[in-house]
All heavy atoms as atom14 arrays in JSON, in Angstrom:
{
  "sequence": "EITKSYIDAIPIIRTQLQADAAFIEANDPATTCIEEVIMAYP",
  "atom14_mask": [
    [1, 1, 1, 1, 1, 1, 1, 1, 1, 0, 0, 0, 0, 0],
    [1, 1, 1, 1, 1, 1, 1, 1, 0, 0, 0, 0, 0, 0],
    [1, 1, 1, 1, 1, 1, 1, 0, 0, 0, 0, 0, 0, 0],
    [1, 1, 1, 1, 1, 1, 1, 1, 1, 0, 0, 0, 0, 0],
    [1, 1, 1, 1, 1, 1, 0, 0, 0, 0, 0, 0, 0, 0],
    [1, 1, 1, 1, 1, 1, 1, 1, 1, 1, 1, 1, 0, 0],
    [1, 1, 1, 1, 1, 1, 1, 1, 0, 0, 0, 0, 0, 0],
    [1, 1, 1, 1, 1, 1, 1, 1, 0, 0, 0, 0, 0, 0],
    [1, 1, 1, 1, 1, 0, 0, 0, 0, 0, 0, 0, 0, 0],
    [1, 1, 1, 1, 1, 1, 1, 1, 0, 0, 0, 0, 0, 0],
    [1, 1, 1, 1, 1, 1, 1, 0, 0, 0, 0, 0, 0, 0],
    [1, 1, 1, 1, 1, 1, 1, 1, 0, 0, 0, 0, 0, 0],
    [1, 1, 1, 1, 1, 1, 1, 1, 0, 0, 0, 0, 0, 0],
    [1, 1, 1, 1, 1, 1, 1, 1, 1, 1, 1, 0, 0, 0],
    [1, 1, 1, 1, 1, 1, 1, 0, 0, 0, 0, 0, 0, 0],
    [1, 1, 1, 1, 1, 1, 1, 1, 1, 0, 0, 0, 0, 0],
    [1, 1, 1, 1, 1, 1, 1, 1, 0, 0, 0, 0, 0, 0],
    [1, 1, 1, 1, 1, 1, 1, 1, 1, 0, 0, 0, 0, 0],
    [1, 1, 1, 1, 1, 0, 0, 0, 0, 0, 0, 0, 0, 0],
    [1, 1, 1, 1, 1, 1, 1, 1, 0, 0, 0, 0, 0, 0],
    [1, 1, 1, 1, 1, 0, 0, 0, 0, 0, 0, 0, 0, 0],
    [1, 1, 1, 1, 1, 0, 0, 0, 0, 0, 0, 0, 0, 0],
    [1, 1, 1, 1, 1, 1, 1, 1, 1, 1, 1, 0, 0, 0],
    [1, 1, 1, 1, 1, 1, 1, 1, 0, 0, 0, 0, 0, 0],
    [1, 1, 1, 1, 1, 1, 1, 1, 1, 0, 0, 0, 0, 0],
    [1, 1, 1, 1, 1, 0, 0, 0, 0, 0, 0, 0, 0, 0],
    [1, 1, 1, 1, 1, 1, 1, 1, 0, 0, 0, 0, 0, 0],
    [1, 1, 1, 1, 1, 1, 1, 1, 0, 0, 0, 0, 0, 0],
    [1, 1, 1, 1, 1, 1, 1, 0, 0, 0, 0, 0, 0, 0],
    [1, 1, 1, 1, 1, 0, 0, 0, 0, 0, 0, 0, 0, 0],
    [1, 1, 1, 1, 1, 1, 1, 0, 0, 0, 0, 0, 0, 0],
    [1, 1, 1, 1, 1, 1, 1, 0, 0, 0, 0, 0, 0, 0],
    [1, 1, 1, 1, 1, 1, 0, 0, 0, 0, 0, 0, 0, 0],
    [1, 1, 1, 1, 1, 1, 1, 1, 0, 0, 0, 0, 0, 0],
    [1, 1, 1, 1, 1, 1, 1, 1, 1, 0, 0, 0, 0, 0],
    [1, 1, 1, 1, 1, 1, 1, 1, 1, 0, 0, 0, 0, 0],
    [1, 1, 1, 1, 1, 1, 1, 0, 0, 0, 0, 0, 0, 0],
    [1, 1, 1, 1, 1, 1, 1, 1, 0, 0, 0, 0, 0, 0],
    [1, 1, 1, 1, 1, 1, 1, 1, 0, 0, 0, 0, 0, 0],
    [1, 1, 1, 1, 1, 0, 0, 0, 0, 0, 0, 0, 0, 0],
    [1, 1, 1, 1, 1, 1, 1, 1, 1, 1, 1, 1, 0, 0],
    [1, 1, 1, 1, 1, 1, 1, 0, 0, 0, 0, 0, 0, 0]
  ],
  "atom14_positions": [
    [[25.8, -0.18, 1.84], [25.07, 0.32, 3.01], [23.7, 0.87, 2.6], [22.71, 0.66, 3.3], [25.88, 1.41, 3.72], [27.15, 0.91, 4.35], [28.06, 2.04, 4.8], [28.04, 3.13, 4.18], [28.81, 1.82, 5.77], [0.0, 0.0, 0.0], [0.0, 0.0, 0.0], [0.0, 0.0, 0.0], [0.0, 0.0, 0.0], [0.0, 0.0, 0.0]],
    [[23.66, 1.6, 1.49], [22.4, 2.12, 0.98], [21.46, 0.96, 0.64], [20.28, 0.97, 1.0], [22.63, 3.02, -0.25], [23.34, 4.3, 0.16], [21.31, 3.34, -0.96], [23.82, 5.15, -0.99], [0.0, 0.0, 0.0], [0.0, 0.0, 0.0], [0.0, 0.0, 0.0], [0.0, 0.0, 0.0], [0.0, 0.0, 0.0], [0.0, 0.0, 0.0]],
    [[21.99, -0.04, -0.04], [21.19, -1.2, -0.42], [20.61, -1.89, 0.8], [19.42, -2.21, 0.85], [22.03, -2.19, -1.26], [22.55, -1.5, -2.4], [21.22, -3.38, -1.69], [0.0, 0.0, 0.0], [0.0, 0.0, 0.0], [0.0, 0.0, 0.0], [0.0, 0.0, 0.0], [0.0, 0.0, 0.0], [0.0, 0.0, 0.0], [0.0, 0.0, 0.0]],
    [[21.44, -2.13, 1.81], [20.97, -2.78, 3.03], [19.9, -1.93, 3.72], [18.86, -2.44, 4.14], [22.12, -3.06, 3.99], [21.64, -3.79, 5.25], [22.75, -4.03, 6.23], [22.32, -4.72, 7.5], [20.96, -4.64, 7.91], [0.0, 0.0, 0.0], [0.0, 0.0, 0.0], [0.0, 0.0, 0.0], [0.0, 0.0, 0.0], [0.0, 0.0, 0.0]],
    [[20.14, -0.64, 3.83], [19.17, 0.26, 4.47], [17.85, 0.27, 3.71], [16.77, 0.28, 4.32], [19.73, 1.68, 4.55], [20.84, 1.72, 5.41], [0.0, 0.0, 0.0], [0.0, 0.0, 0.0], [0.0, 0.0, 0.0], [0.0, 0.0, 0.0], [0.0, 0.0, 0.0], [0.0, 0.0, 0.0], [0.0, 0.0, 0.0], [0.0, 0.0, 0.0]],
    [[17.92, 0.25, 2.38], [16.7, 0.25, 1.57], [15.93, -1.05, 1.77], [14.72, -1.04, 1.98], [17.06, 0.47, 0.1], [15.87, 0.78, -0.77], [15.15, 1.95, -0.6], [15.46, -0.09, -1.77], [14.05, 2.24, -1.39], [14.38, 0.19, -2.58], [13.68, 1.37, -2.38], [12.59, 1.67, -3.17], [0.0, 0.0, 0.0], [0.0, 0.0, 0.0]],
    [[16.62, -2.15, 1.73], [15.97, -3.45, 1.93], [15.37, -3.54, 3.32], [14.24, -4.04, 3.5], [16.95, -4.61, 1.64], [17.23, -4.67, 0.13], [16.41, -5.94, 2.14], [18.37, -5.58, -0.27], [0.0, 0.0, 0.0], [0.0, 0.0, 0.0], [0.0, 0.0, 0.0], [0.0, 0.0, 0.0], [0.0, 0.0, 0.0], [0.0, 0.0, 0.0]],
    [[16.08, -3.02, 4.31], [15.56, -3.02, 5.68], [14.31, -2.16, 5.81], [13.47, -2.41, 6.68], [16.63, -2.51, 6.66], [17.77, -3.5, 6.86], [17.64, -4.68, 6.46], [18.81, -3.09, 7.42], [0.0, 0.0, 0.0], [0.0, 0.0, 0.0], [0.0, 0.0, 0.0], [0.0, 0.0, 0.0], [0.0, 0.0, 0.0], [0.0, 0.0, 0.0]],
    [[14.17, -1.14, 4.98], [13.02, -0.24, 5.04], [11.78, -0.8, 4.33], [10.67, -0.31, 4.56], [13.38, 1.1, 4.43], [0.0, 0.0, 0.0], [0.0, 0.0, 0.0], [0.0, 0.0, 0.0], [0.0, 0.0, 0.0], [0.0, 0.0, 0.0], [0.0, 0.0, 0.0], [0.0, 0.0, 0.0], [0.0, 0.0, 0.0], [0.0, 0.0, 0.0]],
    [[11.94, -1.82, 3.51], [10.82, -2.33, 2.72], [9.64, -2.79, 3.59], [8.49, -2.46, 3.28], [11.28, -3.41, 1.72], [12.08, -2.71, 0.61], [10.11, -4.2, 1.15], [12.73, -3.63, -0.38], [0.0, 0.0, 0.0], [0.0, 0.0, 0.0], [0.0, 0.0, 0.0], [0.0, 0.0, 0.0], [0.0, 0.0, 0.0], [0.0, 0.0, 0.0]],
    [[9.84, -3.48, 4.72], [8.68, -3.83, 5.56], [7.92, -2.61, 6.08], [6.69, -2.63, 6.17], [9.29, -4.65, 6.7], [10.56, -5.19, 6.14], [11.07, -4.13, 5.2], [0.0, 0.0, 0.0], [0.0, 0.0, 0.0], [0.0, 0.0, 0.0], [0.0, 0.0, 0.0], [0.0, 0.0, 0.0], [0.0, 0.0, 0.0], [0.0, 0.0, 0.0]],
    [[8.64, -1.55, 6.38], [7.98, -0.33, 6.86], [7.18, 0.31, 5.73], [6.03, 0.73, 5.92], [9.04, 0.66, 7.42], [9.71, 0.06, 8.65], [8.41, 2.02, 7.74], [11.01, 0.73, 9.04], [0.0, 0.0, 0.0], [0.0, 0.0, 0.0], [0.0, 0.0, 0.0], [0.0, 0.0, 0.0], [0.0, 0.0, 0.0], [0.0, 0.0, 0.0]],
    [[7.77, 0.37, 4.54], [7.08, 0.92, 3.38], [5.85, 0.07, 3.05], [4.77, 0.6, 2.75], [8.03, 1.02, 2.16], [9.17, 2.01, 2.46], [7.27, 1.43, 0.9], [10.31, 1.98, 1.45], [0.0, 0.0, 0.0], [0.0, 0.0, 0.0], [0.0, 0.0, 0.0], [0.0, 0.0, 0.0], [0.0, 0.0, 0.0], [0.0, 0.0, 0.0]],
    [[5.99, -1.23, 3.13], [4.86, -2.14, 2.88], [3.71, -1.86, 3.85], [2.55, -1.79, 3.44], [5.31, -3.58, 3.0], [4.2, -4.57, 2.73], [4.74, -6.01, 2.76], [3.7, -6.92, 2.37], [3.2, -7.85, 3.18], [3.67, -8.01, 4.4], [2.25, -8.65, 2.75], [0.0, 0.0, 0.0], [0.0, 0.0, 0.0], [0.0, 0.0, 0.0]],
    [[4.04, -1.66, 5.12], [3.01, -1.35, 6.12], [2.32, -0.03, 5.79], [1.09, 0.08, 5.89], [3.64, -1.3, 7.53], [4.18, -2.59, 7.82], [2.63, -0.93, 8.59], [0.0, 0.0, 0.0], [0.0, 0.0, 0.0], [0.0, 0.0, 0.0], [0.0, 0.0, 0.0], [0.0, 0.0, 0.0], [0.0, 0.0, 0.0], [0.0, 0.0, 0.0]],
    [[3.11, 0.99, 5.39], [2.52, 2.27, 4.99], [1.58, 2.09, 3.8], [0.49, 2.65, 3.77], [3.62, 3.26, 4.6], [4.41, 3.81, 5.75], [5.51, 4.74, 5.26], [6.26, 4.4, 4.34], [5.59, 5.92, 5.85], [0.0, 0.0, 0.0], [0.0, 0.0, 0.0], [0.0, 0.0, 0.0], [0.0, 0.0, 0.0], [0.0, 0.0, 0.0]],
    [[2.02, 1.31, 2.82], [1.2, 1.11, 1.62], [-0.07, 0.32, 1.93], [-1.12, 0.59, 1.36], [2.03, 0.42, 0.54], [3.11, 1.29, -0.09], [4.05, 0.47, -0.96], [2.49, 2.44, -0.88], [0.0, 0.0, 0.0], [0.0, 0.0, 0.0], [0.0, 0.0, 0.0], [0.0, 0.0, 0.0], [0.0, 0.0, 0.0], [0.0, 0.0, 0.0]],
    [[0.03, -0.65, 2.84], [-1.17, -1.37, 3.25], [-2.17, -0.43, 3.91], [-3.37, -0.52, 3.67], [-0.8, -2.52, 4.2], [-0.15, -3.68, 3.5], [0.37, -4.74, 4.48], [0.93, -4.43, 5.52], [0.17, -5.99, 4.12], [0.0, 0.0, 0.0], [0.0, 0.0, 0.0], [0.0, 0.0, 0.0], [0.0, 0.0, 0.0], [0.0, 0.0, 0.0]],
    [[-1.67, 0.5, 4.73], [-2.54, 1.48, 5.37], [-3.15, 2.42, 4.33], [-4.34, 2.76, 4.41], [-1.76, 2.27, 6.43], [0.0, 0.0, 0.0], [0.0, 0.0, 0.0], [0.0, 0.0, 0.0], [0.0, 0.0, 0.0], [0.0, 0.0, 0.0], [0.0, 0.0, 0.0], [0.0, 0.0, 0.0], [0.0, 0.0, 0.0], [0.0, 0.0, 0.0]],
    [[-2.34, 2.84, 3.35], [-2.87, 3.69, 2.26], [-3.99, 2.96, 1.52], [-5.06, 3.53, 1.29], [-1.76, 4.04, 1.26], [-0.7, 4.97, 1.83], [-1.02, 5.83, 2.67], [0.47, 4.83, 1.41], [0.0, 0.0, 0.0], [0.0, 0.0, 0.0], [0.0, 0.0, 0.0], [0.0, 0.0, 0.0], [0.0, 0.0, 0.0], [0.0, 0.0, 0.0]],
    [[-3.74, 1.72, 1.14], [-4.74, 0.94, 0.39], [-6.01, 0.74, 1.21], [-7.12, 0.87, 0.68], [-4.15, -0.4, -0.04], [0.0, 0.0, 0.0], [0.0, 0.0, 0.0], [0.0, 0.0, 0.0], [0.0, 0.0, 0.0], [0.0, 0.0, 0.0], [0.0, 0.0, 0.0], [0.0, 0.0, 0.0], [0.0, 0.0, 0.0], [0.0, 0.0, 0.0]],
    [[-5.87, 0.43, 2.48], [-7.04, 0.24, 3.34], [-7.83, 1.54, 3.49], [-9.07, 1.53, 3.49], [-6.6, -0.29, 4.71], [0.0, 0.0, 0.0], [0.0, 0.0, 0.0], [0.0, 0.0, 0.0], [0.0, 0.0, 0.0], [0.0, 0.0, 0.0], [0.0, 0.0, 0.0], [0.0, 0.0, 0.0], [0.0, 0.0, 0.0], [0.0, 0.0, 0.0]],
    [[-7.13, 2.66, 3.59], [-7.78, 3.97, 3.7], [-8.55, 4.3, 2.43], [-9.68, 4.78, 2.47], [-6.73, 5.04, 4.01], [-7.29, 6.41, 4.28], [-8.08, 6.65, 5.39], [-7.01, 7.46, 3.43], [-8.58, 7.93, 5.65], [-7.5, 8.73, 3.67], [-8.29, 8.96, 4.79], [0.0, 0.0, 0.0], [0.0, 0.0, 0.0], [0.0, 0.0, 0.0]],
    [[-7.93, 4.02, 1.29], [-8.61, 4.25, 0.01], [-9.85, 3.37, -0.08], [-10.94, 3.84, -0.41], [-7.65, 3.99, -1.17], [-6.53, 5.03, -1.18], [-8.41, 3.98, -2.5], [-5.37, 4.71, -2.12], [0.0, 0.0, 0.0], [0.0, 0.0, 0.0], [0.0, 0.0, 0.0], [0.0, 0.0, 0.0], [0.0, 0.0, 0.0], [0.0, 0.0, 0.0]],
    [[-9.69, 2.09, 0.21], [-10.82, 1.15, 0.13], [-11.95, 1.56, 1.07], [-13.12, 1.5, 0.71], [-10.32, -0.26, 0.44], [-11.27, -1.36, 0.02], [-12.26, -1.76, 1.1], [-11.94, -1.56, 2.29], [-13.34, -2.25, 0.76], [0.0, 0.0, 0.0], [0.0, 0.0, 0.0], [0.0, 0.0, 0.0], [0.0, 0.0, 0.0], [0.0, 0.0, 0.0]],
    [[-11.62, 2.03, 2.25], [-12.64, 2.42, 3.24], [-13.36, 3.71, 2.85], [-14.49, 3.94, 3.27], [-11.99, 2.59, 4.61], [0.0, 0.0, 0.0], [0.0, 0.0, 0.0], [0.0, 0.0, 0.0], [0.0, 0.0, 0.0], [0.0, 0.0, 0.0], [0.0, 0.0, 0.0], [0.0, 0.0, 0.0], [0.0, 0.0, 0.0], [0.0, 0.0, 0.0]],
    [[-12.72, 4.55, 2.03], [-13.29, 5.86, 1.72], [-13.79, 6.03, 0.3], [-14.32, 7.08, -0.04], [-12.25, 6.95, 2.02], [-12.09, 7.16, 3.49], [-12.91, 7.83, 4.11], [-11.08, 6.57, 4.09], [0.0, 0.0, 0.0], [0.0, 0.0, 0.0], [0.0, 0.0, 0.0], [0.0, 0.0, 0.0], [0.0, 0.0, 0.0], [0.0, 0.0, 0.0]],
    [[-13.63, 5.01, -0.54], [-14.1, 5.11, -1.92], [-15.26, 4.15, -2.13], [-15.05, 2.93, -2.18], [-12.98, 4.8, -2.9], [-13.39, 5.06, -4.34], [-14.58, 5.35, -4.6], [-12.51, 4.98, -5.21], [0.0, 0.0, 0.0], [0.0, 0.0, 0.0], [0.0, 0.0, 0.0], [0.0, 0.0, 0.0], [0.0, 0.0, 0.0], [0.0, 0.0, 0.0]],
    [[-16.48, 4.67, -2.25], [-17.62, 3.78, -2.43], [-17.6, 3.01, -3.75], [-18.31, 2.03, -3.92], [-18.83, 4.72, -2.37], [-18.3, 6.08, -2.63], [-16.87, 6.08, -2.19], [0.0, 0.0, 0.0], [0.0, 0.0, 0.0], [0.0, 0.0, 0.0], [0.0, 0.0, 0.0], [0.0, 0.0, 0.0], [0.0, 0.0, 0.0], [0.0, 0.0, 0.0]],
    [[-16.74, 3.44, -4.7], [-16.68, 2.77, -6.0], [-15.85, 1.49, -5.98], [-15.95, 0.68, -6.9], [-16.11, 3.72, -7.05], [0.0, 0.0, 0.0], [0.0, 0.0, 0.0], [0.0, 0.0, 0.0], [0.0, 0.0, 0.0], [0.0, 0.0, 0.0], [0.0, 0.0, 0.0], [0.0, 0.0, 0.0], [0.0, 0.0, 0.0], [0.0, 0.0, 0.0]],
    [[-15.02, 1.3, -4.97], [-14.18, 0.1, -4.95], [-14.92, -1.07, -4.34], [-15.78, -0.91, -3.48], [-12.84, 0.35, -4.21], [-12.01, -0.79, -4.4], [-13.04, 0.58, -2.74], [0.0, 0.0, 0.0], [0.0, 0.0, 0.0], [0.0, 0.0, 0.0], [0.0, 0.0, 0.0], [0.0, 0.0, 0.0], [0.0, 0.0, 0.0], [0.0, 0.0, 0.0]],
    [[-14.56, -2.25, -4.8], [-15.21, -3.46, -4.29], [-14.33, -4.22, -3.31], [-14.82, -5.03, -2.54], [-15.58, -4.4, -5.45], [-14.39, -4.72, -6.19], [-16.6, -3.74, -6.38], [0.0, 0.0, 0.0], [0.0, 0.0, 0.0], [0.0, 0.0, 0.0], [0.0, 0.0, 0.0], [0.0, 0.0, 0.0], [0.0, 0.0, 0.0], [0.0, 0.0, 0.0]],
    [[-13.0, -3.95, -3.34], [-12.09, -4.67, -2.45], [-10.72, -4.0, -2.46], [-10.4, -3.24, -3.36], [-11.96, -6.13, -2.86], [-11.29, -6.37, -4.51], [0.0, 0.0, 0.0], [0.0, 0.0, 0.0], [0.0, 0.0, 0.0], [0.0, 0.0, 0.0], [0.0, 0.0, 0.0], [0.0, 0.0, 0.0], [0.0, 0.0, 0.0], [0.0, 0.0, 0.0]],
    [[-9.93, -4.32, -1.46], [-8.59, -3.72, -1.35], [-7.69, -4.16, -2.5], [-6.82, -3.41, -2.94], [-7.98, -4.01, 0.04], [-6.82, -3.03, 0.31], [-7.54, -5.45, 0.15], [-6.39, -2.99, 1.75], [0.0, 0.0, 0.0], [0.0, 0.0, 0.0], [0.0, 0.0, 0.0], [0.0, 0.0, 0.0], [0.0, 0.0, 0.0], [0.0, 0.0, 0.0]],
    [[-7.9, -5.37, -3.0], [-7.09, -5.85, -4.13], [-7.3, -4.98, -5.37], [-6.36, -4.73, -6.12], [-7.43, -7.31, -4.45], [-7.0, -8.29, -3.38], [-7.97, -8.41, -2.19], [-9.09, -7.84, -2.25], [-7.59, -9.07, -1.21], [0.0, 0.0, 0.0], [0.0, 0.0, 0.0], [0.0, 0.0, 0.0], [0.0, 0.0, 0.0], [0.0, 0.0, 0.0]],
    [[-8.53, -4.49, -5.56], [-8.81, -3.59, -6.67], [-7.99, -2.3, -6.53], [-7.42, -1.81, -7.5], [-10.3, -3.26, -6.71], [-10.69, -2.31, -7.82], [-12.16, -1.95, -7.81], [-12.88, -2.27, -6.84], [-12.59, -1.32, -8.78], [0.0, 0.0, 0.0], [0.0, 0.0, 0.0], [0.0, 0.0, 0.0], [0.0, 0.0, 0.0], [0.0, 0.0, 0.0]],
    [[-7.92, -1.77, -5.32], [-7.14, -0.56, -5.06], [-5.68, -0.8, -5.43], [-5.06, -0.02, -6.15], [-7.26, -0.13, -3.58], [-6.27, 0.98, -3.25], [-8.68, 0.29, -3.25], [0.0, 0.0, 0.0], [0.0, 0.0, 0.0], [0.0, 0.0, 0.0], [0.0, 0.0, 0.0], [0.0, 0.0, 0.0], [0.0, 0.0, 0.0], [0.0, 0.0, 0.0]],
    [[-5.12, -1.9, -4.94], [-3.7, -2.19, -5.15], [-3.39, -2.45, -6.62], [-2.37, -1.99, -7.14], [-3.27, -3.39, -4.27], [-3.33, -2.97, -2.78], [-1.89, -3.88, -4.64], [-3.23, -4.13, -1.81], [0.0, 0.0, 0.0], [0.0, 0.0, 0.0], [0.0, 0.0, 0.0], [0.0, 0.0, 0.0], [0.0, 0.0, 0.0], [0.0, 0.0, 0.0]],
    [[-4.26, -3.14, -7.3], [-3.98, -3.55, -8.68], [-4.42, -2.54, -9.74], [-3.85, -2.54, -10.84], [-4.66, -4.9, -8.97], [-4.18, -6.03, -8.08], [-2.41, -6.37, -8.21], [-2.32, -6.98, -9.87], [0.0, 0.0, 0.0], [0.0, 0.0, 0.0], [0.0, 0.0, 0.0], [0.0, 0.0, 0.0], [0.0, 0.0, 0.0], [0.0, 0.0, 0.0]],
    [[-5.4, -1.69, -9.44], [-6.0, -0.9, -10.51], [-6.07, 0.61, -10.28], [-6.38, 1.34, -11.21], [-7.41, -1.42, -10.79], [0.0, 0.0, 0.0], [0.0, 0.0, 0.0], [0.0, 0.0, 0.0], [0.0, 0.0, 0.0], [0.0, 0.0, 0.0], [0.0, 0.0, 0.0], [0.0, 0.0, 0.0], [0.0, 0.0, 0.0], [0.0, 0.0, 0.0]],
    [[-5.78, 1.09, -9.1], [-5.95, 2.51, -8.82], [-4.68, 3.29, -9.15], [-3.64, 3.08, -8.53], [-6.33, 2.74, -7.36], [-7.82, 2.65, -7.09], [-8.58, 1.6, -7.58], [-8.46, 3.61, -6.35], [-9.93, 1.51, -7.35], [-9.81, 3.55, -6.1], [-10.55, 2.51, -6.6], [-11.89, 2.43, -6.35], [0.0, 0.0, 0.0], [0.0, 0.0, 0.0]],
    [[-4.74, 4.24, -10.09], [-3.56, 5.02, -10.41], [-3.07, 5.86, -9.22], [-1.88, 6.08, -9.07], [-3.98, 5.9, -11.58], [-5.46, 5.86, -11.6], [-5.88, 4.59, -10.93], [0.0, 0.0, 0.0], [0.0, 0.0, 0.0], [0.0, 0.0, 0.0], [0.0, 0.0, 0.0], [0.0, 0.0, 0.0], [0.0, 0.0, 0.0], [0.0, 0.0, 0.0]]
  ]
}
């Protein structure tokens, strides 16, 4: 049940993370693209 609930939550978590990455990209003048945020930002 935990496994199913966790897997079911992954699309929601993905949406949250996409919003986080877009917010970082929009507010950091040092980034060149959202892919940089996702791949390189600690």
